[in-house]
Amino acid sequence: EYAGVRLAGLLEKAAPGSGASKVVFTADDGFSAEAELAEVQRCADCLVAFGEAQGKFNLAMPGMASSIWVKNVVSVELK
């Protein structure tokens, strides 16, 4: 089980421009993963989950590749 904020809701508040088609997630160690914006927006269960340590966030991305389940996320970028 995960607790956090729905990623689709965060993206809605960010109001991506019409040219945005990708979401890039970057971890504190420099690892990054990219996903299709439309696919992430359709994912009702995708979360920015609260990590075990305060101020740490992990992605919970059911139905998506394990490489998208980024730990210790420090940025979410729309491209």
N, C-alpha and C. Protein backbone atom coordinates (compact mmCIF):
# COMPACT_ATOMS: atom_id res chain seq x y z
N GLU A 1 0.83 -1.18 0.00
CA GLU A 1 0.00 0.00 0.00
C GLU A 1 0.87 1.24 0.00
N TYR A 2 0.39 2.27 -0.66
CA TYR A 2 1.10 3.53 -0.75
C TYR A 2 0.18 4.67 -0.34
N ALA A 3 0.74 5.70 0.23
CA ALA A 3 0.00 6.92 0.53
C ALA A 3 0.72 8.05 -0.19
N GLY A 4 -0.05 8.93 -0.79
CA GLY A 4 0.57 10.03 -1.52
C GLY A 4 -0.46 10.87 -2.25
N VAL A 5 -0.01 11.47 -3.32
CA VAL A 5 -0.83 12.37 -4.13
C VAL A 5 -0.93 11.79 -5.54
N ARG A 6 -2.12 11.79 -6.08
CA ARG A 6 -2.30 11.26 -7.44
C ARG A 6 -1.53 12.12 -8.44
N LEU A 7 -0.72 11.44 -9.23
CA LEU A 7 0.11 12.13 -10.21
C LEU A 7 -0.72 12.85 -11.26
N ALA A 8 -1.82 12.27 -11.69
CA ALA A 8 -2.68 12.92 -12.68
C ALA A 8 -3.21 14.25 -12.15
N GLY A 9 -3.54 14.32 -10.86
CA GLY A 9 -4.00 15.57 -10.25
C GLY A 9 -2.92 16.63 -10.23
N LEU A 10 -1.68 16.22 -9.93
CA LEU A 10 -0.56 17.17 -9.95
C LEU A 10 -0.34 17.71 -11.35
N LEU A 11 -0.40 16.82 -12.32
CA LEU A 11 -0.18 17.25 -13.71
C LEU A 11 -1.30 18.18 -14.17
N GLU A 12 -2.52 17.93 -13.72
CA GLU A 12 -3.64 18.81 -14.07
C GLU A 12 -3.39 20.22 -13.53
N LYS A 13 -2.90 20.31 -12.29
CA LYS A 13 -2.61 21.62 -11.69
C LYS A 13 -1.46 22.32 -12.40
N ALA A 14 -0.53 21.54 -12.95
CA ALA A 14 0.60 22.12 -13.67
C ALA A 14 0.17 22.68 -15.02
N ALA A 15 -0.98 22.23 -15.52
CA ALA A 15 -1.53 22.69 -16.80
C ALA A 15 -0.50 22.64 -17.92
N PRO A 16 -0.10 21.43 -18.33
CA PRO A 16 0.90 21.31 -19.39
C PRO A 16 0.43 21.98 -20.68
N GLY A 17 1.36 22.62 -21.36
CA GLY A 17 1.05 23.26 -22.64
C GLY A 17 0.73 22.23 -23.70
N SER A 18 0.17 22.67 -24.79
CA SER A 18 -0.25 21.76 -25.86
C SER A 18 0.94 21.03 -26.49
N GLY A 19 2.13 21.57 -26.36
CA GLY A 19 3.31 20.92 -26.94
C GLY A 19 3.93 19.85 -26.06
N ALA A 20 3.49 19.74 -24.82
CA ALA A 20 4.06 18.74 -23.91
C ALA A 20 3.56 17.35 -24.26
N SER A 21 4.48 16.40 -24.35
CA SER A 21 4.10 15.02 -24.66
C SER A 21 4.79 14.00 -23.76
N LYS A 22 5.76 14.44 -22.98
CA LYS A 22 6.53 13.54 -22.12
C LYS A 22 6.60 14.09 -20.70
N VAL A 23 6.79 13.18 -19.75
CA VAL A 23 7.06 13.55 -18.37
C VAL A 23 8.39 12.89 -18.01
N VAL A 24 9.30 13.69 -17.46
CA VAL A 24 10.61 13.17 -17.05
C VAL A 24 10.70 13.27 -15.53
N PHE A 25 10.99 12.13 -14.91
CA PHE A 25 11.13 12.04 -13.46
C PHE A 25 12.61 11.86 -13.15
N THR A 26 13.14 12.67 -12.23
CA THR A 26 14.55 12.58 -11.89
C THR A 26 14.70 12.30 -10.39
N ALA A 27 15.59 11.35 -10.07
CA ALA A 27 15.87 10.96 -8.70
C ALA A 27 17.05 11.75 -8.15
N ASP A 28 17.22 11.70 -6.85
CA ASP A 28 18.31 12.45 -6.21
C ASP A 28 19.70 11.95 -6.59
N ASP A 29 19.79 10.74 -7.15
CA ASP A 29 21.09 10.22 -7.59
C ASP A 29 21.37 10.49 -9.06
N GLY A 30 20.47 11.26 -9.72
CA GLY A 30 20.65 11.60 -11.12
C GLY A 30 19.94 10.68 -12.10
N PHE A 31 19.43 9.54 -11.62
CA PHE A 31 18.68 8.63 -12.49
C PHE A 31 17.43 9.35 -12.98
N SER A 32 17.08 9.16 -14.25
CA SER A 32 15.84 9.75 -14.75
C SER A 32 15.10 8.73 -15.61
N ALA A 33 13.80 8.87 -15.65
CA ALA A 33 12.92 8.01 -16.44
C ALA A 33 11.91 8.89 -17.14
N GLU A 34 11.53 8.48 -18.33
CA GLU A 34 10.61 9.26 -19.15
C GLU A 34 9.38 8.42 -19.47
N ALA A 35 8.21 9.06 -19.45
CA ALA A 35 6.95 8.39 -19.79
C ALA A 35 6.12 9.31 -20.67
N GLU A 36 5.22 8.72 -21.42
CA GLU A 36 4.29 9.49 -22.25
C GLU A 36 3.32 10.23 -21.33
N LEU A 37 3.17 11.52 -21.55
CA LEU A 37 2.29 12.35 -20.72
C LEU A 37 0.86 11.80 -20.75
N ALA A 38 0.35 11.47 -21.91
CA ALA A 38 -1.04 10.99 -22.02
C ALA A 38 -1.24 9.71 -21.22
N GLU A 39 -0.26 8.82 -21.22
CA GLU A 39 -0.37 7.57 -20.47
C GLU A 39 -0.40 7.84 -18.97
N VAL A 40 0.44 8.75 -18.51
CA VAL A 40 0.48 9.09 -17.08
C VAL A 40 -0.83 9.79 -16.68
N GLN A 41 -1.35 10.65 -17.52
CA GLN A 41 -2.61 11.35 -17.22
C GLN A 41 -3.78 10.38 -17.10
N ARG A 42 -3.75 9.28 -17.85
CA ARG A 42 -4.82 8.28 -17.81
C ARG A 42 -4.71 7.34 -16.60
N CYS A 43 -3.57 7.34 -15.95
CA CYS A 43 -3.32 6.40 -14.85
C CYS A 43 -3.96 6.92 -13.56
N ALA A 44 -5.11 6.39 -13.23
CA ALA A 44 -5.85 6.84 -12.05
C ALA A 44 -5.17 6.45 -10.74
N ASP A 45 -4.34 5.40 -10.78
CA ASP A 45 -3.72 4.90 -9.54
C ASP A 45 -2.25 5.28 -9.39
N CYS A 46 -1.70 6.04 -10.32
CA CYS A 46 -0.30 6.46 -10.22
C CYS A 46 -0.16 7.55 -9.16
N LEU A 47 0.83 7.38 -8.30
CA LEU A 47 1.02 8.30 -7.17
C LEU A 47 2.44 8.82 -7.07
N VAL A 48 2.55 10.02 -6.54
CA VAL A 48 3.80 10.47 -5.95
C VAL A 48 3.62 10.10 -4.48
N ALA A 49 4.28 9.01 -4.10
CA ALA A 49 4.06 8.43 -2.77
C ALA A 49 5.05 9.00 -1.76
N PHE A 50 4.59 9.10 -0.54
CA PHE A 50 5.45 9.55 0.55
C PHE A 50 6.45 8.45 0.86
N GLY A 51 7.74 8.79 0.91
CA GLY A 51 8.78 7.83 1.24
C GLY A 51 8.84 7.58 2.73
N GLU A 52 9.72 6.66 3.11
CA GLU A 52 9.86 6.32 4.53
C GLU A 52 10.46 7.47 5.33
N ALA A 53 11.35 8.23 4.71
CA ALA A 53 11.97 9.37 5.38
C ALA A 53 11.23 10.64 5.01
N GLN A 54 11.14 11.56 5.93
CA GLN A 54 10.45 12.82 5.68
C GLN A 54 11.11 13.55 4.52
N GLY A 55 10.29 14.06 3.60
CA GLY A 55 10.80 14.80 2.45
C GLY A 55 11.24 13.93 1.29
N LYS A 56 11.06 12.62 1.38
CA LYS A 56 11.42 11.70 0.30
C LYS A 56 10.14 11.26 -0.40
N PHE A 57 10.19 11.18 -1.73
CA PHE A 57 9.02 10.82 -2.52
C PHE A 57 9.40 9.75 -3.54
N ASN A 58 8.52 8.79 -3.71
CA ASN A 58 8.71 7.70 -4.67
C ASN A 58 7.51 7.64 -5.59
N LEU A 59 7.73 7.15 -6.81
CA LEU A 59 6.61 6.97 -7.72
C LEU A 59 6.04 5.57 -7.55
N ALA A 60 4.74 5.46 -7.48
CA ALA A 60 4.01 4.20 -7.51
C ALA A 60 3.22 4.23 -8.82
N MET A 61 3.63 3.42 -9.79
CA MET A 61 3.10 3.51 -11.15
C MET A 61 2.53 2.16 -11.61
N PRO A 62 1.42 1.70 -11.03
CA PRO A 62 0.87 0.39 -11.39
C PRO A 62 0.56 0.30 -12.88
N GLY A 63 0.94 -0.85 -13.44
CA GLY A 63 0.69 -1.10 -14.86
C GLY A 63 1.76 -0.55 -15.77
N MET A 64 2.76 0.13 -15.22
CA MET A 64 3.85 0.69 -16.03
C MET A 64 5.14 -0.06 -15.75
N ALA A 65 6.09 0.11 -16.63
CA ALA A 65 7.38 -0.56 -16.49
C ALA A 65 8.03 -0.23 -15.15
N SER A 66 8.78 -1.18 -14.61
CA SER A 66 9.43 -0.97 -13.32
C SER A 66 10.44 0.16 -13.36
N SER A 67 10.96 0.48 -14.53
CA SER A 67 11.93 1.58 -14.64
C SER A 67 11.29 2.94 -14.39
N ILE A 68 9.97 3.02 -14.42
CA ILE A 68 9.26 4.27 -14.16
C ILE A 68 8.98 4.45 -12.67
N TRP A 69 9.15 3.42 -11.88
CA TRP A 69 8.91 3.49 -10.43
C TRP A 69 10.14 4.12 -9.77
N VAL A 70 10.35 5.39 -10.00
CA VAL A 70 11.55 6.10 -9.53
C VAL A 70 11.44 6.36 -8.03
N LYS A 71 12.56 6.12 -7.34
CA LYS A 71 12.63 6.39 -5.90
C LYS A 71 13.38 7.70 -5.67
N ASN A 72 13.04 8.34 -4.58
CA ASN A 72 13.70 9.60 -4.19
C ASN A 72 13.61 10.65 -5.30
N VAL A 73 12.40 10.87 -5.78
CA VAL A 73 12.14 11.82 -6.86
C VAL A 73 12.42 13.25 -6.37
N VAL A 74 13.20 13.98 -7.16
CA VAL A 74 13.47 15.38 -6.82
C VAL A 74 12.90 16.35 -7.85
N SER A 75 12.54 15.84 -9.05
CA SER A 75 11.92 16.73 -10.02
C SER A 75 11.02 15.96 -10.97
N VAL A 76 9.98 16.65 -11.43
CA VAL A 76 9.05 16.16 -12.45
C VAL A 76 9.01 17.25 -13.50
N GLU A 77 9.40 16.90 -14.72
CA GLU A 77 9.50 17.90 -15.79
C GLU A 77 8.62 17.50 -16.97
N LEU A 78 7.90 18.46 -17.51
CA LEU A 78 7.09 18.25 -18.70
C LEU A 78 7.86 18.71 -19.92
N LYS A 79 7.87 17.87 -20.94
CA LYS A 79 8.58 18.22 -22.19
C LYS A 79 7.64 18.02 -23.36
